[in-house]
Amino acid sequence: MDLMDGKPLRYRLRPDDDFLLYSVGEDGVDNGGDASPLANGELGIFLVDDVWPRAATAAEIEKYEGRSGNETNAPAK
């Protein structure tokens, strides 16, 4: 459940077969998964909608770990 409005979290399938899971955020308005920051006086800065990130792809993990994908997992000698 979305703690901001009591409704189910929003789930949308994207055209590339990826998905978007999000909450309406602190403003309580469904902005379609817009995760851009919004300044709001007393509340400070918050996101328009709170969006959960998708799982990283194998290529993204390799890039993060600094590998090109050509290395083997053999122990160093």
PDB file of N, CA and C in Angstrom:
ATOM      1  N   MET A   1       0.840  -1.191   0.000  1.00  0.00           N
ATOM      2  CA  MET A   1       0.000   0.000   0.000  1.00  0.00           C
ATOM      3  C   MET A   1       0.879   1.245   0.000  1.00  0.00           C
ATOM      4  N   ASP A   2       0.407   2.251  -0.662  1.00  0.00           N
ATOM      5  CA  ASP A   2       1.088   3.541  -0.711  1.00  0.00           C
ATOM      6  C   ASP A   2       0.774   4.281   0.587  1.00  0.00           C
ATOM      7  N   LEU A   3       1.790   4.561   1.378  1.00  0.00           N
ATOM      8  CA  LEU A   3       1.587   5.235   2.657  1.00  0.00           C
ATOM      9  C   LEU A   3       1.141   6.682   2.493  1.00  0.00           C
ATOM     10  N   MET A   4       1.304   7.232   1.312  1.00  0.00           N
ATOM     11  CA  MET A   4       0.936   8.634   1.101  1.00  0.00           C
ATOM     12  C   MET A   4      -0.560   8.827   0.847  1.00  0.00           C
ATOM     13  N   ASP A   5      -1.223   7.831   0.239  1.00  0.00           N
ATOM     14  CA  ASP A   5      -2.651   7.999  -0.033  1.00  0.00           C
ATOM     15  C   ASP A   5      -3.499   6.764   0.307  1.00  0.00           C
ATOM     16  N   GLY A   6      -2.866   5.688   0.805  1.00  0.00           N
ATOM     17  CA  GLY A   6      -3.606   4.497   1.207  1.00  0.00           C
ATOM     18  C   GLY A   6      -4.037   3.583   0.068  1.00  0.00           C
ATOM     19  N   LYS A   7      -3.680   3.926  -1.151  1.00  0.00           N
ATOM     20  CA  LYS A   7      -4.025   3.108  -2.315  1.00  0.00           C
ATOM     21  C   LYS A   7      -2.853   2.186  -2.650  1.00  0.00           C
ATOM     22  N   PRO A   8      -3.064   1.201  -3.524  1.00  0.00           N
ATOM     23  CA  PRO A   8      -1.937   0.348  -3.928  1.00  0.00           C
ATOM     24  C   PRO A   8      -0.843   1.176  -4.617  1.00  0.00           C
ATOM     25  N   LEU A   9       0.407   0.729  -4.464  1.00  0.00           N
ATOM     26  CA  LEU A   9       1.495   1.366  -5.196  1.00  0.00           C
ATOM     27  C   LEU A   9       1.185   1.304  -6.683  1.00  0.00           C
ATOM     28  N   ARG A  10       1.684   2.248  -7.438  1.00  0.00           N
ATOM     29  CA  ARG A  10       1.430   2.279  -8.876  1.00  0.00           C
ATOM     30  C   ARG A  10       2.476   1.438  -9.606  1.00  0.00           C
ATOM     31  N   TYR A  11       2.023   0.667 -10.563  1.00  0.00           N
ATOM     32  CA  TYR A  11       2.893  -0.185 -11.374  1.00  0.00           C
ATOM     33  C   TYR A  11       2.528   0.055 -12.825  1.00  0.00           C
ATOM     34  N   ARG A  12       3.519   0.399 -13.626  1.00  0.00           N
ATOM     35  CA  ARG A  12       3.271   0.610 -15.055  1.00  0.00           C
ATOM     36  C   ARG A  12       4.317  -0.125 -15.869  1.00  0.00           C
ATOM     37  N   LEU A  13       3.874  -0.756 -16.927  1.00  0.00           N
ATOM     38  CA  LEU A  13       4.786  -1.401 -17.862  1.00  0.00           C
ATOM     39  C   LEU A  13       5.206  -0.355 -18.884  1.00  0.00           C
ATOM     40  N   ARG A  14       6.511  -0.243 -19.098  1.00  0.00           N
ATOM     41  CA  ARG A  14       7.038   0.726 -20.064  1.00  0.00           C
ATOM     42  C   ARG A  14       7.084   0.094 -21.454  1.00  0.00           C
ATOM     43  N   PRO A  15       7.195   0.915 -22.492  1.00  0.00           N
ATOM     44  CA  PRO A  15       7.245   0.394 -23.868  1.00  0.00           C
ATOM     45  C   PRO A  15       8.406  -0.571 -24.120  1.00  0.00           C
ATOM     46  N   ASP A  16       9.512  -0.432 -23.356  1.00  0.00           N
ATOM     47  CA  ASP A  16      10.673  -1.311 -23.549  1.00  0.00           C
ATOM     48  C   ASP A  16      10.580  -2.582 -22.707  1.00  0.00           C
ATOM     49  N   ASP A  17       9.394  -2.904 -22.200  1.00  0.00           N
ATOM     50  CA  ASP A  17       9.113  -4.076 -21.359  1.00  0.00           C
ATOM     51  C   ASP A  17       9.742  -3.988 -19.976  1.00  0.00           C
ATOM     52  N   ASP A  18      10.291  -2.838 -19.610  1.00  0.00           N
ATOM     53  CA  ASP A  18      10.747  -2.585 -18.253  1.00  0.00           C
ATOM     54  C   ASP A  18       9.506  -2.133 -17.477  1.00  0.00           C
ATOM     55  N   PHE A  19       9.632  -1.917 -16.174  1.00  0.00           N
ATOM     56  CA  PHE A  19       8.480  -1.475 -15.406  1.00  0.00           C
ATOM     57  C   PHE A  19       8.828  -0.280 -14.543  1.00  0.00           C
ATOM     58  N   LEU A  20       7.808   0.368 -14.037  1.00  0.00           N
ATOM     59  CA  LEU A  20       7.942   1.506 -13.146  1.00  0.00           C
ATOM     60  C   LEU A  20       7.061   1.232 -11.941  1.00  0.00           C
ATOM     61  N   LEU A  21       7.633   1.293 -10.752  1.00  0.00           N
ATOM     62  CA  LEU A  21       6.895   1.123  -9.501  1.00  0.00           C
ATOM     63  C   LEU A  21       7.085   2.396  -8.706  1.00  0.00           C
ATOM     64  N   TYR A  22       5.979   3.016  -8.289  1.00  0.00           N
ATOM     65  CA  TYR A  22       6.127   4.287  -7.584  1.00  0.00           C
ATOM     66  C   TYR A  22       4.971   4.589  -6.635  1.00  0.00           C
ATOM     67  N   SER A  23       5.257   5.521  -5.736  1.00  0.00           N
ATOM     68  CA  SER A  23       4.295   6.076  -4.806  1.00  0.00           C
ATOM     69  C   SER A  23       3.963   7.486  -5.276  1.00  0.00           C
ATOM     70  N   VAL A  24       2.821   8.005  -4.877  1.00  0.00           N
ATOM     71  CA  VAL A  24       2.461   9.361  -5.274  1.00  0.00           C
ATOM     72  C   VAL A  24       3.347  10.414  -4.631  1.00  0.00           C
ATOM     73  N   GLY A  25       4.129  10.062  -3.642  1.00  0.00           N
ATOM     74  CA  GLY A  25       5.036  11.026  -3.018  1.00  0.00           C
ATOM     75  C   GLY A  25       4.338  11.910  -2.004  1.00  0.00           C
ATOM     76  N   GLU A  26       5.125  12.826  -1.438  1.00  0.00           N
ATOM     77  CA  GLU A  26       4.634  13.659  -0.337  1.00  0.00           C
ATOM     78  C   GLU A  26       3.505  14.602  -0.714  1.00  0.00           C
ATOM     79  N   ASP A  27       3.389  14.946  -2.004  1.00  0.00           N
ATOM     80  CA  ASP A  27       2.313  15.859  -2.385  1.00  0.00           C
ATOM     81  C   ASP A  27       0.975  15.148  -2.572  1.00  0.00           C
ATOM     82  N   GLY A  28       0.977  13.791  -2.560  1.00  0.00           N
ATOM     83  CA  GLY A  28      -0.257  13.024  -2.663  1.00  0.00           C
ATOM     84  C   GLY A  28      -0.893  13.017  -4.039  1.00  0.00           C
ATOM     85  N   VAL A  29      -0.171  13.504  -5.054  1.00  0.00           N
ATOM     86  CA  VAL A  29      -0.706  13.581  -6.414  1.00  0.00           C
ATOM     87  C   VAL A  29       0.014  12.568  -7.297  1.00  0.00           C
ATOM     88  N   ASP A  30      -0.747  11.796  -8.081  1.00  0.00           N
ATOM     89  CA  ASP A  30      -0.157  10.840  -9.015  1.00  0.00           C
ATOM     90  C   ASP A  30       0.318  11.590 -10.247  1.00  0.00           C
ATOM     91  N   ASN A  31       1.634  11.723 -10.372  1.00  0.00           N
ATOM     92  CA  ASN A  31       2.237  12.427 -11.504  1.00  0.00           C
ATOM     93  C   ASN A  31       2.848  11.454 -12.498  1.00  0.00           C
ATOM     94  N   GLY A  32       2.366  10.214 -12.516  1.00  0.00           N
ATOM     95  CA  GLY A  32       2.798   9.246 -13.505  1.00  0.00           C
ATOM     96  C   GLY A  32       4.205   8.712 -13.314  1.00  0.00           C
ATOM     97  N   GLY A  33       4.745   8.810 -12.105  1.00  0.00           N
ATOM     98  CA  GLY A  33       6.098   8.308 -11.850  1.00  0.00           C
ATOM     99  C   GLY A  33       7.176   9.341 -12.096  1.00  0.00           C
ATOM    100  N   ASP A  34       6.826  10.600 -12.053  1.00  0.00           N
ATOM    101  CA  ASP A  34       7.792  11.691 -12.229  1.00  0.00           C
ATOM    102  C   ASP A  34       8.651  11.780 -10.971  1.00  0.00           C
ATOM    103  N   ALA A  35       9.944  11.489 -11.096  1.00  0.00           N
ATOM    104  CA  ALA A  35      10.849  11.488  -9.938  1.00  0.00           C
ATOM    105  C   ALA A  35      11.685  12.752  -9.846  1.00  0.00           C
ATOM    106  N   SER A  36      11.280  13.810 -10.515  1.00  0.00           N
ATOM    107  CA  SER A  36      12.060  15.042 -10.438  1.00  0.00           C
ATOM    108  C   SER A  36      11.863  15.711  -9.076  1.00  0.00           C
ATOM    109  N   PRO A  37      12.891  16.418  -8.600  1.00  0.00           N
ATOM    110  CA  PRO A  37      12.775  17.096  -7.302  1.00  0.00           C
ATOM    111  C   PRO A  37      11.815  18.279  -7.395  1.00  0.00           C
ATOM    112  N   LEU A  38      11.164  18.559  -6.288  1.00  0.00           N
ATOM    113  CA  LEU A  38      10.211  19.658  -6.222  1.00  0.00           C
ATOM    114  C   LEU A  38      10.473  20.422  -4.935  1.00  0.00           C
ATOM    115  N   ALA A  39      10.708  21.717  -5.024  1.00  0.00           N
ATOM    116  CA  ALA A  39      10.917  22.538  -3.828  1.00  0.00           C
ATOM    117  C   ALA A  39       9.554  22.931  -3.276  1.00  0.00           C
ATOM    118  N   ASN A  40       9.421  22.817  -1.963  1.00  0.00           N
ATOM    119  CA  ASN A  40       8.146  23.153  -1.346  1.00  0.00           C
ATOM    120  C   ASN A  40       8.385  23.738   0.036  1.00  0.00           C
ATOM    121  N   GLY A  41       8.549  25.036   0.103  1.00  0.00           N
ATOM    122  CA  GLY A  41       8.708  25.812   1.333  1.00  0.00           C
ATOM    123  C   GLY A  41       9.036  25.057   2.600  1.00  0.00           C
ATOM    124  N   GLU A  42       8.061  24.857   3.464  1.00  0.00           N
ATOM    125  CA  GLU A  42       8.282  24.280   4.785  1.00  0.00           C
ATOM    126  C   GLU A  42       8.724  22.825   4.747  1.00  0.00           C
ATOM    127  N   LEU A  43       8.295  22.085   3.742  1.00  0.00           N
ATOM    128  CA  LEU A  43       8.640  20.671   3.673  1.00  0.00           C
ATOM    129  C   LEU A  43      10.052  20.443   3.143  1.00  0.00           C
ATOM    130  N   GLY A  44      10.670  21.462   2.571  1.00  0.00           N
ATOM    131  CA  GLY A  44      11.996  21.295   1.990  1.00  0.00           C
ATOM    132  C   GLY A  44      11.875  20.750   0.581  1.00  0.00           C
ATOM    133  N   ILE A  45      12.861  19.977   0.161  1.00  0.00           N
ATOM    134  CA  ILE A  45      12.847  19.422  -1.191  1.00  0.00           C
ATOM    135  C   ILE A  45      12.452  17.959  -1.120  1.00  0.00           C
ATOM    136  N   PHE A  46      11.526  17.562  -1.955  1.00  0.00           N
ATOM    137  CA  PHE A  46      11.122  16.161  -2.043  1.00  0.00           C
ATOM    138  C   PHE A  46      10.855  15.828  -3.500  1.00  0.00           C
ATOM    139  N   LEU A  47      10.648  14.564  -3.779  1.00  0.00           N
ATOM    140  CA  LEU A  47      10.369  14.131  -5.148  1.00  0.00           C
ATOM    141  C   LEU A  47       8.895  14.261  -5.446  1.00  0.00           C
ATOM    142  N   VAL A  48       8.569  14.575  -6.695  1.00  0.00           N
ATOM    143  CA  VAL A  48       7.168  14.662  -7.094  1.00  0.00           C
ATOM    144  C   VAL A  48       6.498  13.318  -6.809  1.00  0.00           C
ATOM    145  N   ASP A  49       7.022  12.214  -7.364  1.00  0.00           N
ATOM    146  CA  ASP A  49       6.594  10.852  -7.044  1.00  0.00           C
ATOM    147  C   ASP A  49       7.827  10.093  -6.569  1.00  0.00           C
ATOM    148  N   ASP A  50       7.669   9.209  -5.617  1.00  0.00           N
ATOM    149  CA  ASP A  50       8.777   8.376  -5.150  1.00  0.00           C
ATOM    150  C   ASP A  50       8.838   7.132  -6.014  1.00  0.00           C
ATOM    151  N   VAL A  51       9.934   6.958  -6.765  1.00  0.00           N
ATOM    152  CA  VAL A  51      10.067   5.883  -7.735  1.00  0.00           C
ATOM    153  C   VAL A  51      11.109   4.878  -7.277  1.00  0.00           C
ATOM    154  N   TRP A  52      10.753   3.599  -7.330  1.00  0.00           N
ATOM    155  CA  TRP A  52      11.711   2.554  -7.007  1.00  0.00           C
ATOM    156  C   TRP A  52      12.520   2.249  -8.250  1.00  0.00           C
ATOM    157  N   PRO A  53      13.819   2.107  -8.071  1.00  0.00           N
ATOM    158  CA  PRO A  53      14.651   1.812  -9.254  1.00  0.00           C
ATOM    159  C   PRO A  53      14.428   0.387  -9.749  1.00  0.00           C
ATOM    160  N   ARG A  54      14.646   0.212 -11.036  1.00  0.00           N
ATOM    161  CA  ARG A  54      14.562  -1.118 -11.629  1.00  0.00           C
ATOM    162  C   ARG A  54      15.842  -1.867 -11.304  1.00  0.00           C
ATOM    163  N   ALA A  55      15.811  -3.162 -11.459  1.00  0.00           N
ATOM    164  CA  ALA A  55      17.011  -3.972 -11.229  1.00  0.00           C
ATOM    165  C   ALA A  55      18.052  -3.642 -12.286  1.00  0.00           C
ATOM    166  N   ALA A  56      19.301  -3.651 -11.893  1.00  0.00           N
ATOM    167  CA  ALA A  56      20.393  -3.372 -12.830  1.00  0.00           C
ATOM    168  C   ALA A  56      20.544  -4.521 -13.817  1.00  0.00           C
ATOM    169  N   THR A  57      20.911  -4.178 -15.043  1.00  0.00           N
ATOM    170  CA  THR A  57      21.191  -5.208 -16.037  1.00  0.00           C
ATOM    171  C   THR A  57      22.593  -5.760 -15.794  1.00  0.00           C
ATOM    172  N   ALA A  58      22.909  -6.900 -16.398  1.00  0.00           N
ATOM    173  CA  ALA A  58      24.247  -7.488 -16.249  1.00  0.00           C
ATOM    174  C   ALA A  58      25.316  -6.507 -16.728  1.00  0.00           C
ATOM    175  N   ALA A  59      25.063  -5.811 -17.832  1.00  0.00           N
ATOM    176  CA  ALA A  59      26.035  -4.841 -18.353  1.00  0.00           C
ATOM    177  C   ALA A  59      26.240  -3.688 -17.379  1.00  0.00           C
ATOM    178  N   GLU A  60      25.168  -3.216 -16.737  1.00  0.00           N
ATOM    179  CA  GLU A  60      25.291  -2.132 -15.764  1.00  0.00           C
ATOM    180  C   GLU A  60      26.081  -2.582 -14.543  1.00  0.00           C
ATOM    181  N   ILE A  61      25.881  -3.817 -14.100  1.00  0.00           N
ATOM    182  CA  ILE A  61      26.631  -4.354 -12.965  1.00  0.00           C
ATOM    183  C   ILE A  61      28.107  -4.462 -13.307  1.00  0.00           C
ATOM    184  N   GLU A  62      28.409  -4.964 -14.498  1.00  0.00           N
ATOM    185  CA  GLU A  62      29.808  -5.080 -14.918  1.00  0.00           C
ATOM    186  C   GLU A  62      30.465  -3.711 -14.991  1.00  0.00           C
ATOM    187  N   LYS A  63      29.778  -2.738 -15.514  1.00  0.00           N
ATOM    188  CA  LYS A  63      30.324  -1.384 -15.594  1.00  0.00           C
ATOM    189  C   LYS A  63      30.572  -0.837 -14.194  1.00  0.00           C
ATOM    190  N   TYR A  64      29.632  -1.035 -13.291  1.00  0.00           N
ATOM    191  CA  TYR A  64      29.766  -0.567 -11.919  1.00  0.00           C
ATOM    192  C   TYR A  64      30.965  -1.214 -11.236  1.00  0.00           C
ATOM    193  N   GLU A  65      31.153  -2.501 -11.488  1.00  0.00           N
ATOM    194  CA  GLU A  65      32.255  -3.233 -10.868  1.00  0.00           C
ATOM    195  C   GLU A  65      33.571  -3.029 -11.606  1.00  0.00           C
ATOM    196  N   GLY A  66      33.551  -2.263 -12.699  1.00  0.00           N
ATOM    197  CA  GLY A  66      34.764  -1.953 -13.426  1.00  0.00           C
ATOM    198  C   GLY A  66      35.269  -3.077 -14.304  1.00  0.00           C
ATOM    199  N   ARG A  67      34.370  -3.950 -14.715  1.00  0.00           N
ATOM    200  CA  ARG A  67      34.755  -5.065 -15.580  1.00  0.00           C
ATOM    201  C   ARG A  67      34.247  -4.823 -16.978  1.00  0.00           C
ATOM    202  N   SER A  68      34.945  -5.395 -17.960  1.00  0.00           N
ATOM    203  CA  SER A  68      34.495  -5.285 -19.343  1.00  0.00           C
ATOM    204  C   SER A  68      33.686  -6.485 -19.764  1.00  0.00           C
ATOM    205  N   GLY A  69      33.703  -7.537 -18.951  1.00  0.00           N
ATOM    206  CA  GLY A  69      32.982  -8.751 -19.304  1.00  0.00           C
ATOM    207  C   GLY A  69      33.887  -9.782 -19.938  1.00  0.00           C
ATOM    208  N   ASN A  70      35.151  -9.442 -20.186  1.00  0.00           N
ATOM    209  CA  ASN A  70      36.083 -10.362 -20.831  1.00  0.00           C
ATOM    210  C   ASN A  70      36.957 -11.123 -19.826  1.00  0.00           C
ATOM    211  N   GLU A  71      36.916 -10.705 -18.581  1.00  0.00           N
ATOM    212  CA  GLU A  71      37.751 -11.356 -17.578  1.00  0.00           C
ATOM    213  C   GLU A  71      37.165 -12.714 -17.173  1.00  0.00           C
ATOM    214  N   THR A  72      38.010 -13.580 -16.655  1.00  0.00           N
ATOM    215  CA  THR A  72      37.535 -14.855 -16.132  1.00  0.00           C
ATOM    216  C   THR A  72      37.498 -14.753 -14.623  1.00  0.00           C
ATOM    217  N   ASN A  73      36.855 -15.687 -14.011  1.00  0.00           N
ATOM    218  CA  ASN A  73      36.778 -15.696 -12.552  1.00  0.00           C
ATOM    219  C   ASN A  73      37.873 -16.540 -11.938  1.00  0.00           C
ATOM    220  N   ALA A  74      38.905 -16.859 -12.684  1.00  0.00           N
ATOM    221  CA  ALA A  74      39.992 -17.671 -12.166  1.00  0.00           C
ATOM    222  C   ALA A  74      40.780 -16.895 -11.129  1.00  0.00           C
ATOM    223  N   PRO A  75      41.192 -17.548 -10.048  1.00  0.00           N
ATOM    224  CA  PRO A  75      41.962 -16.849  -9.014  1.00  0.00           C
ATOM    225  C   PRO A  75      43.312 -16.397  -9.552  1.00  0.00           C
ATOM    226  N   ALA A  76      43.788 -15.279  -9.008  1.00  0.00           N
ATOM    227  CA  ALA A  76      45.101 -14.759  -9.420  1.00  0.00           C
ATOM    228  C   ALA A  76      46.191 -15.667  -8.919  1.00  0.00           C
ATOM    229  N   LYS A  77      47.285 -15.794  -9.710  1.00  0.00           N
ATOM    230  CA  LYS A  77      48.416 -16.670  -9.324  1.00  0.00           C
ATOM    231  C   LYS A  77      49.491 -15.865  -8.666  1.00  0.00           C
TER     232      LYS A  77
END
